[in-house]
Amino acid sequence: MVCKSSATCVAKDAVCFDSYTCDYKGFVCKSKLDDVVDTYDEEVRKYNDLVEKFNSLNSTYEEVVAQKATALSALAAAASGLEEARSKAQRVSDCVAGANTIDEAKACLP
């Protein structure tokens, strides 16, 4: 095949679009367009995989945050119960220490 110096040569069996189909530079051969589409599709697949991974990690994170809040609430309730029991034990201890008879000591117990 012989081409002018200003012409773009392609193989005889090439499938090409009309001039200026894609941009001001001229025609685009189908094989080149297919390569670009394949590359684009691969990037979209990678992006979608990343979005899926992010959503999975975010869901796990949200579950952990909820579990942490529940655990902190349970810990606060346990600490409150412990403080109440300590205070009650101190009152009973003080009462028993101040008792002069066994009956006064027995009266200290709830």
PDB file of N, CA and C in Angstrom:
ATOM      1  N   MET A   1       0.864  -1.164   0.000  1.00  0.00           N
ATOM      2  CA  MET A   1       0.000   0.000   0.000  1.00  0.00           C
ATOM      3  C   MET A   1       0.908   1.224   0.000  1.00  0.00           C
ATOM      4  N   VAL A   2       0.576   2.179  -0.770  1.00  0.00           N
ATOM      5  CA  VAL A   2       1.335   3.419  -0.874  1.00  0.00           C
ATOM      6  C   VAL A   2       0.438   4.547  -0.408  1.00  0.00           C
ATOM      7  N   CYS A   3       0.961   5.385   0.493  1.00  0.00           N
ATOM      8  CA  CYS A   3       0.168   6.498   1.028  1.00  0.00           C
ATOM      9  C   CYS A   3       0.929   7.788   0.819  1.00  0.00           C
ATOM     10  N   LYS A   4       0.171   8.854   0.664  1.00  0.00           N
ATOM     11  CA  LYS A   4       0.791  10.181   0.593  1.00  0.00           C
ATOM     12  C   LYS A   4       1.374  10.507   1.965  1.00  0.00           C
ATOM     13  N   SER A   5       2.325  11.409   1.997  1.00  0.00           N
ATOM     14  CA  SER A   5       2.957  11.764   3.271  1.00  0.00           C
ATOM     15  C   SER A   5       1.981  12.412   4.237  1.00  0.00           C
ATOM     16  N   SER A   6       0.938  13.053   3.729  1.00  0.00           N
ATOM     17  CA  SER A   6      -0.037  13.699   4.617  1.00  0.00           C
ATOM     18  C   SER A   6      -1.182  12.773   4.990  1.00  0.00           C
ATOM     19  N   ALA A   7      -1.208  11.544   4.446  1.00  0.00           N
ATOM     20  CA  ALA A   7      -2.310  10.618   4.698  1.00  0.00           C
ATOM     21  C   ALA A   7      -1.976   9.700   5.868  1.00  0.00           C
ATOM     22  N   THR A   8      -3.016   9.149   6.461  1.00  0.00           N
ATOM     23  CA  THR A   8      -2.855   8.142   7.491  1.00  0.00           C
ATOM     24  C   THR A   8      -3.168   6.801   6.863  1.00  0.00           C
ATOM     25  N   CYS A   9      -2.241   5.882   6.922  1.00  0.00           N
ATOM     26  CA  CYS A   9      -2.420   4.577   6.299  1.00  0.00           C
ATOM     27  C   CYS A   9      -2.881   3.572   7.345  1.00  0.00           C
ATOM     28  N   VAL A  10      -3.800   2.730   6.907  1.00  0.00           N
ATOM     29  CA  VAL A  10      -4.281   1.656   7.763  1.00  0.00           C
ATOM     30  C   VAL A  10      -4.314   0.380   6.941  1.00  0.00           C
ATOM     31  N   ALA A  11      -4.417  -0.736   7.611  1.00  0.00           N
ATOM     32  CA  ALA A  11      -4.498  -2.008   6.904  1.00  0.00           C
ATOM     33  C   ALA A  11      -5.762  -2.068   6.074  1.00  0.00           C
ATOM     34  N   LYS A  12      -5.716  -2.902   5.020  1.00  0.00           N
ATOM     35  CA  LYS A  12      -6.835  -3.000   4.089  1.00  0.00           C
ATOM     36  C   LYS A  12      -8.098  -3.498   4.781  1.00  0.00           C
ATOM     37  N   ASP A  13      -7.962  -4.328   5.805  1.00  0.00           N
ATOM     38  CA  ASP A  13      -9.132  -4.883   6.491  1.00  0.00           C
ATOM     39  C   ASP A  13      -9.521  -4.099   7.744  1.00  0.00           C
ATOM     40  N   ALA A  14      -8.924  -2.926   7.952  1.00  0.00           N
ATOM     41  CA  ALA A  14      -9.233  -2.115   9.135  1.00  0.00           C
ATOM     42  C   ALA A  14     -10.656  -1.580   9.049  1.00  0.00           C
ATOM     43  N   VAL A  15     -11.302  -1.498  10.207  1.00  0.00           N
ATOM     44  CA  VAL A  15     -12.633  -0.895  10.297  1.00  0.00           C
ATOM     45  C   VAL A  15     -12.441   0.475  10.901  1.00  0.00           C
ATOM     46  N   CYS A  16     -12.811   1.501  10.166  1.00  0.00           N
ATOM     47  CA  CYS A  16     -12.594   2.868  10.634  1.00  0.00           C
ATOM     48  C   CYS A  16     -13.899   3.639  10.623  1.00  0.00           C
ATOM     49  N   PHE A  17     -13.971   4.634  11.487  1.00  0.00           N
ATOM     50  CA  PHE A  17     -15.110   5.531  11.519  1.00  0.00           C
ATOM     51  C   PHE A  17     -14.847   6.702  10.591  1.00  0.00           C
ATOM     52  N   ASP A  18     -15.888   7.489  10.321  1.00  0.00           N
ATOM     53  CA  ASP A  18     -15.733   8.661   9.451  1.00  0.00           C
ATOM     54  C   ASP A  18     -14.790   9.667  10.080  1.00  0.00           C
ATOM     55  N   SER A  19     -14.271  10.543   9.248  1.00  0.00           N
ATOM     56  CA  SER A  19     -13.396  11.600   9.742  1.00  0.00           C
ATOM     57  C   SER A  19     -14.094  12.423  10.806  1.00  0.00           C
ATOM     58  N   TYR A  20     -13.331  12.861  11.758  1.00  0.00           N
ATOM     59  CA  TYR A  20     -13.792  13.733  12.849  1.00  0.00           C
ATOM     60  C   TYR A  20     -14.893  13.101  13.706  1.00  0.00           C
ATOM     61  N   THR A  21     -14.976  11.773  13.716  1.00  0.00           N
ATOM     62  CA  THR A  21     -15.992  11.110  14.541  1.00  0.00           C
ATOM     63  C   THR A  21     -15.723  11.368  16.020  1.00  0.00           C
ATOM     64  N   CYS A  22     -14.467  11.269  16.420  1.00  0.00           N
ATOM     65  CA  CYS A  22     -14.152  11.403  17.840  1.00  0.00           C
ATOM     66  C   CYS A  22     -13.561  12.757  18.204  1.00  0.00           C
ATOM     67  N   ASP A  23     -12.759  13.328  17.345  1.00  0.00           N
ATOM     68  CA  ASP A  23     -12.178  14.624  17.661  1.00  0.00           C
ATOM     69  C   ASP A  23     -11.666  15.295  16.397  1.00  0.00           C
ATOM     70  N   TYR A  24     -10.999  16.384  16.534  1.00  0.00           N
ATOM     71  CA  TYR A  24     -10.523  17.174  15.401  1.00  0.00           C
ATOM     72  C   TYR A  24      -9.326  16.559  14.700  1.00  0.00           C
ATOM     73  N   LYS A  25      -8.758  15.493  15.237  1.00  0.00           N
ATOM     74  CA  LYS A  25      -7.539  14.925  14.667  1.00  0.00           C
ATOM     75  C   LYS A  25      -7.813  13.986  13.505  1.00  0.00           C
ATOM     76  N   GLY A  26      -9.028  13.587  13.281  1.00  0.00           N
ATOM     77  CA  GLY A  26      -9.321  12.709  12.163  1.00  0.00           C
ATOM     78  C   GLY A  26     -10.069  11.476  12.600  1.00  0.00           C
ATOM     79  N   PHE A  27      -9.937  10.423  11.829  1.00  0.00           N
ATOM     80  CA  PHE A  27     -10.689   9.207  12.105  1.00  0.00           C
ATOM     81  C   PHE A  27     -10.020   8.372  13.194  1.00  0.00           C
ATOM     82  N   VAL A  28     -10.801   7.420  13.706  1.00  0.00           N
ATOM     83  CA  VAL A  28     -10.317   6.520  14.745  1.00  0.00           C
ATOM     84  C   VAL A  28     -10.536   5.107  14.248  1.00  0.00           C
ATOM     85  N   CYS A  29      -9.508   4.287  14.305  1.00  0.00           N
ATOM     86  CA  CYS A  29      -9.665   2.891  13.912  1.00  0.00           C
ATOM     87  C   CYS A  29     -10.362   2.122  15.026  1.00  0.00           C
ATOM     88  N   LYS A  30     -11.214   1.165  14.625  1.00  0.00           N
ATOM     89  CA  LYS A  30     -11.982   0.390  15.584  1.00  0.00           C
ATOM     90  C   LYS A  30     -11.080  -0.319  16.589  1.00  0.00           C
ATOM     91  N   SER A  31      -9.964  -0.859  16.154  1.00  0.00           N
ATOM     92  CA  SER A  31      -9.080  -1.577  17.073  1.00  0.00           C
ATOM     93  C   SER A  31      -8.571  -0.654  18.172  1.00  0.00           C
ATOM     94  N   LYS A  32      -8.258   0.580  17.823  1.00  0.00           N
ATOM     95  CA  LYS A  32      -7.793   1.535  18.839  1.00  0.00           C
ATOM     96  C   LYS A  32      -8.937   1.886  19.781  1.00  0.00           C
ATOM     97  N   LEU A  33     -10.131   2.067  19.238  1.00  0.00           N
ATOM     98  CA  LEU A  33     -11.287   2.390  20.064  1.00  0.00           C
ATOM     99  C   LEU A  33     -11.607   1.224  21.004  1.00  0.00           C
ATOM    100  N   ASP A  34     -11.512  -0.006  20.491  1.00  0.00           N
ATOM    101  CA  ASP A  34     -11.752  -1.184  21.327  1.00  0.00           C
ATOM    102  C   ASP A  34     -10.761  -1.237  22.487  1.00  0.00           C
ATOM    103  N   ASP A  35      -9.498  -0.904  22.206  1.00  0.00           N
ATOM    104  CA  ASP A  35      -8.486  -0.887  23.269  1.00  0.00           C
ATOM    105  C   ASP A  35      -8.852   0.121  24.347  1.00  0.00           C
ATOM    106  N   VAL A  36      -9.293   1.284  23.929  1.00  0.00           N
ATOM    107  CA  VAL A  36      -9.675   2.330  24.881  1.00  0.00           C
ATOM    108  C   VAL A  36     -10.890   1.892  25.690  1.00  0.00           C
ATOM    109  N   VAL A  37     -11.867   1.295  25.028  1.00  0.00           N
ATOM    110  CA  VAL A  37     -13.074   0.829  25.723  1.00  0.00           C
ATOM    111  C   VAL A  37     -12.707  -0.272  26.712  1.00  0.00           C
ATOM    112  N   ASP A  38     -11.826  -1.198  26.300  1.00  0.00           N
ATOM    113  CA  ASP A  38     -11.397  -2.264  27.211  1.00  0.00           C
ATOM    114  C   ASP A  38     -10.688  -1.686  28.430  1.00  0.00           C
ATOM    115  N   THR A  39      -9.826  -0.713  28.201  1.00  0.00           N
ATOM    116  CA  THR A  39      -9.115  -0.067  29.310  1.00  0.00           C
ATOM    117  C   THR A  39     -10.103   0.651  30.226  1.00  0.00           C
ATOM    118  N   TYR A  40     -11.055   1.351  29.638  1.00  0.00           N
ATOM    119  CA  TYR A  40     -12.081   2.057  30.417  1.00  0.00           C
ATOM    120  C   TYR A  40     -12.893   1.059  31.250  1.00  0.00           C
ATOM    121  N   ASP A  41     -13.325  -0.036  30.609  1.00  0.00           N
ATOM    122  CA  ASP A  41     -14.112  -1.046  31.330  1.00  0.00           C
ATOM    123  C   ASP A  41     -13.324  -1.634  32.493  1.00  0.00           C
ATOM    124  N   GLU A  42     -12.035  -1.857  32.301  1.00  0.00           N
ATOM    125  CA  GLU A  42     -11.180  -2.385  33.361  1.00  0.00           C
ATOM    126  C   GLU A  42     -11.082  -1.386  34.519  1.00  0.00           C
ATOM    127  N   GLU A  43     -10.945  -0.112  34.206  1.00  0.00           N
ATOM    128  CA  GLU A  43     -10.881   0.920  35.251  1.00  0.00           C
ATOM    129  C   GLU A  43     -12.210   1.022  35.993  1.00  0.00           C
ATOM    130  N   VAL A  44     -13.317   0.902  35.274  1.00  0.00           N
ATOM    131  CA  VAL A  44     -14.643   0.929  35.916  1.00  0.00           C
ATOM    132  C   VAL A  44     -14.782  -0.268  36.854  1.00  0.00           C
ATOM    133  N   ARG A  45     -14.316  -1.459  36.402  1.00  0.00           N
ATOM    134  CA  ARG A  45     -14.377  -2.647  37.240  1.00  0.00           C
ATOM    135  C   ARG A  45     -13.542  -2.459  38.512  1.00  0.00           C
ATOM    136  N   LYS A  46     -12.345  -1.910  38.360  1.00  0.00           N
ATOM    137  CA  LYS A  46     -11.488  -1.656  39.527  1.00  0.00           C
ATOM    138  C   LYS A  46     -12.164  -0.667  40.480  1.00  0.00           C
ATOM    139  N   TYR A  47     -12.757   0.382  39.912  1.00  0.00           N
ATOM    140  CA  TYR A  47     -13.448   1.382  40.731  1.00  0.00           C
ATOM    141  C   TYR A  47     -14.604   0.732  41.495  1.00  0.00           C
ATOM    142  N   ASN A  48     -15.401  -0.071  40.788  1.00  0.00           N
ATOM    143  CA  ASN A  48     -16.537  -0.729  41.435  1.00  0.00           C
ATOM    144  C   ASN A  48     -16.071  -1.697  42.520  1.00  0.00           C
ATOM    145  N   ASP A  49     -14.959  -2.393  42.279  1.00  0.00           N
ATOM    146  CA  ASP A  49     -14.397  -3.275  43.308  1.00  0.00           C
ATOM    147  C   ASP A  49     -13.994  -2.472  44.540  1.00  0.00           C
ATOM    148  N   LEU A  50     -13.364  -1.322  44.318  1.00  0.00           N
ATOM    149  CA  LEU A  50     -12.959  -0.471  45.442  1.00  0.00           C
ATOM    150  C   LEU A  50     -14.168   0.060  46.198  1.00  0.00           C
ATOM    151  N   VAL A  51     -15.202   0.442  45.470  1.00  0.00           N
ATOM    152  CA  VAL A  51     -16.426   0.930  46.124  1.00  0.00           C
ATOM    153  C   VAL A  51     -17.037  -0.182  46.968  1.00  0.00           C
ATOM    154  N   GLU A  52     -17.062  -1.399  46.415  1.00  0.00           N
ATOM    155  CA  GLU A  52     -17.608  -2.537  47.157  1.00  0.00           C
ATOM    156  C   GLU A  52     -16.783  -2.814  48.416  1.00  0.00           C
ATOM    157  N   LYS A  53     -15.466  -2.782  48.291  1.00  0.00           N
ATOM    158  CA  LYS A  53     -14.604  -2.990  49.458  1.00  0.00           C
ATOM    159  C   LYS A  53     -14.806  -1.892  50.491  1.00  0.00           C
ATOM    160  N   PHE A  54     -14.899  -0.645  50.014  1.00  0.00           N
ATOM    161  CA  PHE A  54     -15.135   0.464  50.939  1.00  0.00           C
ATOM    162  C   PHE A  54     -16.452   0.285  51.679  1.00  0.00           C
ATOM    163  N   ASN A  55     -17.516  -0.057  50.942  1.00  0.00           N
ATOM    164  CA  ASN A  55     -18.823  -0.224  51.571  1.00  0.00           C
ATOM    165  C   ASN A  55     -18.800  -1.358  52.591  1.00  0.00           C
ATOM    166  N   SER A  56     -18.087  -2.436  52.275  1.00  0.00           N
ATOM    167  CA  SER A  56     -17.972  -3.548  53.217  1.00  0.00           C
ATOM    168  C   SER A  56     -17.212  -3.118  54.469  1.00  0.00           C
ATOM    169  N   LEU A  57     -16.081  -2.433  54.268  1.00  0.00           N
ATOM    170  CA  LEU A  57     -15.297  -1.957  55.418  1.00  0.00           C
ATOM    171  C   LEU A  57     -16.083  -0.940  56.237  1.00  0.00           C
ATOM    172  N   ASN A  58     -16.807  -0.071  55.558  1.00  0.00           N
ATOM    173  CA  ASN A  58     -17.592   0.946  56.259  1.00  0.00           C
ATOM    174  C   ASN A  58     -18.697   0.283  57.080  1.00  0.00           C
ATOM    175  N   SER A  59     -19.326  -0.743  56.511  1.00  0.00           N
ATOM    176  CA  SER A  59     -20.366  -1.465  57.233  1.00  0.00           C
ATOM    177  C   SER A  59     -19.783  -2.131  58.484  1.00  0.00           C
ATOM    178  N   THR A  60     -18.619  -2.757  58.324  1.00  0.00           N
ATOM    179  CA  THR A  60     -17.948  -3.381  59.467  1.00  0.00           C
ATOM    180  C   THR A  60     -17.604  -2.328  60.514  1.00  0.00           C
ATOM    181  N   TYR A  61     -17.098  -1.188  60.064  1.00  0.00           N
ATOM    182  CA  TYR A  61     -16.756  -0.092  60.977  1.00  0.00           C
ATOM    183  C   TYR A  61     -17.994   0.355  61.759  1.00  0.00           C
ATOM    184  N   GLU A  62     -19.115   0.544  61.062  1.00  0.00           N
ATOM    185  CA  GLU A  62     -20.345   0.985  61.726  1.00  0.00           C
ATOM    186  C   GLU A  62     -20.803  -0.049  62.761  1.00  0.00           C
ATOM    187  N   GLU A  63     -20.662  -1.336  62.436  1.00  0.00           N
ATOM    188  CA  GLU A  63     -21.028  -2.381  63.395  1.00  0.00           C
ATOM    189  C   GLU A  63     -20.141  -2.318  64.629  1.00  0.00           C
ATOM    190  N   VAL A  64     -18.845  -2.118  64.423  1.00  0.00           N
ATOM    191  CA  VAL A  64     -17.903  -2.034  65.547  1.00  0.00           C
ATOM    192  C   VAL A  64     -18.200  -0.814  66.409  1.00  0.00           C
ATOM    193  N   VAL A  65     -18.530   0.300  65.770  1.00  0.00           N
ATOM    194  CA  VAL A  65     -18.878   1.512  66.522  1.00  0.00           C
ATOM    195  C   VAL A  65     -20.117   1.250  67.385  1.00  0.00           C
ATOM    196  N   ALA A  66     -21.121   0.564  66.814  1.00  0.00           N
ATOM    197  CA  ALA A  66     -22.336   0.254  67.580  1.00  0.00           C
ATOM    198  C   ALA A  66     -22.017  -0.691  68.735  1.00  0.00           C
ATOM    199  N   GLN A  67     -21.175  -1.699  68.483  1.00  0.00           N
ATOM    200  CA  GLN A  67     -20.778  -2.629  69.546  1.00  0.00           C
ATOM    201  C   GLN A  67     -20.004  -1.909  70.646  1.00  0.00           C
ATOM    202  N   LYS A  68     -19.162  -0.975  70.250  1.00  0.00           N
ATOM    203  CA  LYS A  68     -18.393  -0.204  71.230  1.00  0.00           C
ATOM    204  C   LYS A  68     -19.337   0.611  72.108  1.00  0.00           C
ATOM    205  N   ALA A  69     -20.327   1.250  71.483  1.00  0.00           N
ATOM    206  CA  ALA A  69     -21.285   2.053  72.251  1.00  0.00           C
ATOM    207  C   ALA A  69     -22.047   1.170  73.240  1.00  0.00           C
ATOM    208  N   THR A  70     -22.442  -0.017  72.801  1.00  0.00           N
ATOM    209  CA  THR A  70     -23.150  -0.948  73.687  1.00  0.00           C
ATOM    210  C   THR A  70     -22.251  -1.383  74.838  1.00  0.00           C
ATOM    211  N   ALA A  71     -20.992  -1.702  74.517  1.00  0.00           N
ATOM    212  CA  ALA A  71     -20.046  -2.128  75.555  1.00  0.00           C
ATOM    213  C   ALA A  71     -19.785  -1.002  76.556  1.00  0.00           C
ATOM    214  N   LEU A  72     -19.631   0.218  76.060  1.00  0.00           N
ATOM    215  CA  LEU A  72     -19.404   1.354  76.966  1.00  0.00           C
ATOM    216  C   LEU A  72     -20.604   1.598  77.873  1.00  0.00           C
ATOM    217  N   SER A  73     -21.788   1.427  77.327  1.00  0.00           N
ATOM    218  CA  SER A  73     -23.002   1.591  78.122  1.00  0.00           C
ATOM    219  C   SER A  73     -23.072   0.513  79.217  1.00  0.00           C
ATOM    220  N   ALA A  74     -22.755  -0.731  78.831  1.00  0.00           N
ATOM    221  CA  ALA A  74     -22.755  -1.823  79.813  1.00  0.00           C
ATOM    222  C   ALA A  74     -21.683  -1.590  80.879  1.00  0.00           C
ATOM    223  N   LEU A  75     -20.535  -1.101  80.475  1.00  0.00           N
ATOM    224  CA  LEU A  75     -19.452  -0.804  81.416  1.00  0.00           C
ATOM    225  C   LEU A  75     -19.871   0.300  82.386  1.00  0.00           C
ATOM    226  N   ALA A  76     -20.527   1.330  81.876  1.00  0.00           N
ATOM    227  CA  ALA A  76     -20.986   2.420  82.734  1.00  0.00           C
ATOM    228  C   ALA A  76     -22.021   1.911  83.737  1.00  0.00           C
ATOM    229  N   ALA A  77     -22.923   1.043  83.272  1.00  0.00           N
ATOM    230  CA  ALA A  77     -23.932   0.478  84.177  1.00  0.00           C
ATOM    231  C   ALA A  77     -23.261  -0.395  85.245  1.00  0.00           C
ATOM    232  N   ALA A  78     -22.271  -1.183  84.837  1.00  0.00           N
ATOM    233  CA  ALA A  78     -21.561  -2.035  85.794  1.00  0.00           C
ATOM    234  C   ALA A  78     -20.797  -1.181  86.807  1.00  0.00           C
ATOM    235  N   ALA A  79     -20.168  -0.114  86.350  1.00  0.00           N
ATOM    236  CA  ALA A  79     -19.424   0.774  87.251  1.00  0.00           C
ATOM    237  C   ALA A  79     -20.379   1.435  88.241  1.00  0.00           C
ATOM    238  N   SER A  80     -21.540   1.823  87.769  1.00  0.00           N
ATOM    239  CA  SER A  80     -22.539   2.438  88.643  1.00  0.00           C
ATOM    240  C   SER A  80     -23.012   1.429  89.696  1.00  0.00           C
ATOM    241  N   GLY A  81     -23.273   0.183  89.255  1.00  0.00           N
ATOM    242  CA  GLY A  81     -23.694  -0.862  90.190  1.00  0.00           C
ATOM    243  C   GLY A  81     -22.612  -1.175  91.197  1.00  0.00           C
ATOM    244  N   LEU A  82     -21.364  -1.185  90.742  1.00  0.00           N
ATOM    245  CA  LEU A  82     -20.242  -1.442  91.645  1.00  0.00           C
ATOM    246  C   LEU A  82     -20.114  -0.327  92.682  1.00  0.00           C
ATOM    247  N   GLU A  83     -20.265   0.905  92.250  1.00  0.00           N
ATOM    248  CA  GLU A  83     -20.170   2.039  93.182  1.00  0.00           C
ATOM    249  C   GLU A  83     -21.307   1.995  94.194  1.00  0.00           C
ATOM    250  N   GLU A  84     -22.491   1.614  93.728  1.00  0.00           N
ATOM    251  CA  GLU A  84     -23.634   1.501  94.639  1.00  0.00           C
ATOM    252  C   GLU A  84     -23.386   0.390  95.671  1.00  0.00           C
ATOM    253  N   ALA A  85     -22.837  -0.749  95.225  1.00  0.00           N
ATOM    254  CA  ALA A  85     -22.544  -1.864  96.141  1.00  0.00           C
ATOM    255  C   ALA A  85     -21.442  -1.481  97.123  1.00  0.00           C
ATOM    256  N   ARG A  86     -20.428  -0.764  96.650  1.00  0.00           N
ATOM    257  CA  ARG A  86     -19.346  -0.322  97.525  1.00  0.00           C
ATOM    258  C   ARG A  86     -19.886   0.629  98.590  1.00  0.00           C
ATOM    259  N   SER A  87     -20.750   1.537  98.174  1.00  0.00           N
ATOM    260  CA  SER A  87     -21.329   2.501  99.111  1.00  0.00           C
ATOM    261  C   SER A  87     -22.190   1.786 100.165  1.00  0.00           C
ATOM    262  N   LYS A  88     -22.975   0.815  99.722  1.00  0.00           N
ATOM    263  CA  LYS A  88     -23.824   0.053 100.635  1.00  0.00           C
ATOM    264  C   LYS A  88     -22.959  -0.750 101.614  1.00  0.00           C
ATOM    265  N   ALA A  89     -21.884  -1.364 101.097  1.00  0.00           N
ATOM    266  CA  ALA A  89     -20.985  -2.142 101.961  1.00  0.00           C
ATOM    267  C   ALA A  89     -20.325  -1.231 102.989  1.00  0.00           C
ATOM    268  N   GLN A  90     -19.970  -0.030 102.583  1.00  0.00           N
ATOM    269  CA  GLN A  90     -19.343   0.917 103.513  1.00  0.00           C
ATOM    270  C   GLN A  90     -20.330   1.326 104.602  1.00  0.00           C
ATOM    271  N   ARG A  91     -21.606   1.555 104.224  1.00  0.00           N
ATOM    272  CA  ARG A  91     -22.625   1.917 105.228  1.00  0.00           C
ATOM    273  C   ARG A  91     -22.827   0.784 106.234  1.00  0.00           C
ATOM    274  N   VAL A  92     -22.893  -0.467 105.709  1.00  0.00           N
ATOM    275  CA  VAL A  92     -23.071  -1.622 106.610  1.00  0.00           C
ATOM    276  C   VAL A  92     -21.846  -1.758 107.510  1.00  0.00           C
ATOM    277  N   SER A  93     -20.662  -1.607 106.943  1.00  0.00           N
ATOM    278  CA  SER A  93     -19.429  -1.711 107.734  1.00  0.00           C
ATOM    279  C   SER A  93     -19.392  -0.650 108.831  1.00  0.00           C
ATOM    280  N   ASP A  94     -19.726   0.576 108.460  1.00  0.00           N
ATOM    281  CA  ASP A  94     -19.743   1.656 109.459  1.00  0.00           C
ATOM    282  C   ASP A  94     -20.774   1.385 110.547  1.00  0.00           C
ATOM    283  N   CYS A  95     -21.931   0.866 110.131  1.00  0.00           N
ATOM    284  CA  CYS A  95     -23.002   0.572 111.088  1.00  0.00           C
ATOM    285  C   CYS A  95     -22.563  -0.520 112.063  1.00  0.00           C
ATOM    286  N   VAL A  96     -21.984  -1.603 111.498  1.00  0.00           N
ATOM    287  CA  VAL A  96     -21.533  -2.713 112.346  1.00  0.00           C
ATOM    288  C   VAL A  96     -20.414  -2.241 113.277  1.00  0.00           C
ATOM    289  N   ALA A  97     -19.505  -1.418 112.777  1.00  0.00           N
ATOM    290  CA  ALA A  97     -18.394  -0.923 113.599  1.00  0.00           C
ATOM    291  C   ALA A  97     -18.905  -0.066 114.752  1.00  0.00           C
ATOM    292  N   GLY A  98     -20.017   0.619 114.516  1.00  0.00           N
ATOM    293  CA  GLY A  98     -20.565   1.477 115.581  1.00  0.00           C
ATOM    294  C   GLY A  98     -21.540   0.764 116.497  1.00  0.00           C
ATOM    295  N   ALA A  99     -21.865  -0.497 116.186  1.00  0.00           N
ATOM    296  CA  ALA A  99     -22.832  -1.243 117.010  1.00  0.00           C
ATOM    297  C   ALA A  99     -22.194  -1.660 118.327  1.00  0.00           C
ATOM    298  N   ASN A 100     -23.015  -1.591 119.401  1.00  0.00           N
ATOM    299  CA  ASN A 100     -22.546  -1.977 120.724  1.00  0.00           C
ATOM    300  C   ASN A 100     -23.021  -3.364 121.128  1.00  0.00           C
ATOM    301  N   THR A 101     -24.053  -3.861 120.405  1.00  0.00           N
ATOM    302  CA  THR A 101     -24.580  -5.191 120.731  1.00  0.00           C
ATOM    303  C   THR A 101     -24.749  -5.979 119.444  1.00  0.00           C
ATOM    304  N   ILE A 102     -24.932  -7.285 119.618  1.00  0.00           N
ATOM    305  CA  ILE A 102     -25.132  -8.144 118.456  1.00  0.00           C
ATOM    306  C   ILE A 102     -26.436  -7.805 117.754  1.00  0.00           C
ATOM    307  N   ASP A 103     -27.442  -7.401 118.494  1.00  0.00           N
ATOM    308  CA  ASP A 103     -28.727  -7.036 117.891  1.00  0.00           C
ATOM    309  C   ASP A 103     -28.593  -5.758 117.071  1.00  0.00           C
ATOM    310  N   GLU A 104     -27.809  -4.797 117.557  1.00  0.00           N
ATOM    311  CA  GLU A 104     -27.570  -3.562 116.775  1.00  0.00           C
ATOM    312  C   GLU A 104     -26.817  -3.901 115.469  1.00  0.00           C
ATOM    313  N   ALA A 105     -25.870  -4.821 115.529  1.00  0.00           N
ATOM    314  CA  ALA A 105     -25.110  -5.238 114.338  1.00  0.00           C
ATOM    315  C   ALA A 105     -26.013  -5.946 113.351  1.00  0.00           C
ATOM    316  N   LYS A 106     -26.924  -6.823 113.875  1.00  0.00           N
ATOM    317  CA  LYS A 106     -27.866  -7.519 112.983  1.00  0.00           C
ATOM    318  C   LYS A 106     -28.798  -6.512 112.310  1.00  0.00           C
ATOM    319  N   ALA A 107     -29.144  -5.467 112.995  1.00  0.00           N
ATOM    320  CA  ALA A 107     -30.049  -4.449 112.423  1.00  0.00           C
ATOM    321  C   ALA A 107     -29.407  -3.676 111.270  1.00  0.00           C
ATOM    322  N   CYS A 108     -28.080  -3.749 111.194  1.00  0.00           N
ATOM    323  CA  CYS A 108     -27.370  -3.042 110.104  1.00  0.00           C
ATOM    324  C   CYS A 108     -27.549  -3.725 108.752  1.00  0.00           C
ATOM    325  N   LEU A 109     -27.842  -5.031 108.766  1.00  0.00           N
ATOM    326  CA  LEU A 109     -27.964  -5.773 107.522  1.00  0.00           C
ATOM    327  C   LEU A 109     -29.322  -5.479 106.867  1.00  0.00           C
ATOM    328  N   PRO A 110     -29.335  -5.347 105.536  1.00  0.00           N
ATOM    329  CA  PRO A 110     -30.604  -5.040 104.854  1.00  0.00           C
ATOM    330  C   PRO A 110     -31.582  -6.183 104.829  1.00  0.00           C
TER     331      PRO A 110
END
